[in-house]
Amino acid sequence: MAEIVNLRTVRKQKDREVAKAKGIEAAAKSGRSKALKALQKARAEKSERALDGHKTE
């Protein structure tokens, strides 16, 4: 006896897999993950605040 399959669910799952593969490929092209970008931005802001704190007028 054959297993009953919901074709809509199978199609959606395939679309999700394709989208995930595209996302992984795009992330590899850009070279930095979202978390790494956020970390670097936070570090830059912190160093800028520290530098501004040492300025004299």
Protein backbone atom coordinates (compact mmCIF):
# COMPACT_ATOMS: atom_id res chain seq x y z
CA MET A 1 0.00 0.00 0.00
CA ALA A 2 1.32 3.43 -0.92
CA GLU A 3 1.86 6.18 1.61
CA ILE A 4 -0.41 9.20 1.27
CA VAL A 5 1.55 12.40 0.71
CA ASN A 6 0.31 15.97 0.89
CA LEU A 7 1.78 17.54 -2.25
CA ARG A 8 1.43 21.09 -0.93
CA THR A 9 3.55 20.24 2.12
CA VAL A 10 6.20 18.56 -0.03
CA ARG A 11 6.33 21.60 -2.33
CA LYS A 12 6.69 24.01 0.59
CA GLN A 13 9.46 21.91 2.14
CA LYS A 14 11.34 21.88 -1.16
CA ASP A 15 10.97 25.68 -1.43
CA ARG A 16 12.35 26.07 2.11
CA GLU A 17 15.37 23.93 1.27
CA VAL A 18 16.08 25.96 -1.88
CA ALA A 19 15.78 29.24 0.05
CA LYS A 20 18.11 27.98 2.76
CA ALA A 21 20.69 26.91 0.17
CA LYS A 22 20.51 30.36 -1.45
CA GLY A 23 20.99 31.99 1.94
CA ILE A 24 24.02 29.87 2.75
CA GLU A 25 25.51 30.67 -0.64
CA ALA A 26 24.91 34.41 -0.18
CA ALA A 27 26.47 34.30 3.29
CA ALA A 28 29.53 32.57 1.90
CA LYS A 29 29.83 35.25 -0.79
CA SER A 30 29.60 38.14 1.66
CA GLY A 31 32.10 36.49 3.97
CA ARG A 32 30.66 37.68 7.28
CA SER A 33 27.71 36.42 9.26
CA LYS A 34 25.11 38.71 10.77
CA ALA A 35 26.45 38.05 14.26
CA LEU A 36 30.00 38.91 13.21
CA LYS A 37 28.84 42.16 11.59
CA ALA A 38 26.99 43.13 14.78
CA LEU A 39 30.04 42.33 16.91
CA GLN A 40 32.34 44.43 14.74
CA LYS A 41 29.85 47.31 14.74
CA ALA A 42 29.58 47.20 18.55
CA ARG A 43 33.36 47.19 18.93
CA ALA A 44 33.72 50.16 16.56
CA GLU A 45 31.08 52.13 18.45
CA LYS A 46 32.74 51.37 21.77
CA SER A 47 36.16 52.49 20.56
CA GLU A 48 34.63 55.66 19.09
CA ARG A 49 32.95 56.48 22.43
CA ALA A 50 36.23 55.89 24.26
CA LEU A 51 38.09 58.15 21.84
CA ASP A 52 35.46 60.88 22.12
CA GLY A 53 35.68 60.67 25.92
CA HIS A 54 39.37 61.57 25.83
CA LYS A 55 39.00 64.66 23.64
CA THR A 56 39.78 68.03 25.13
CA GLU A 57 38.18 71.23 24.07
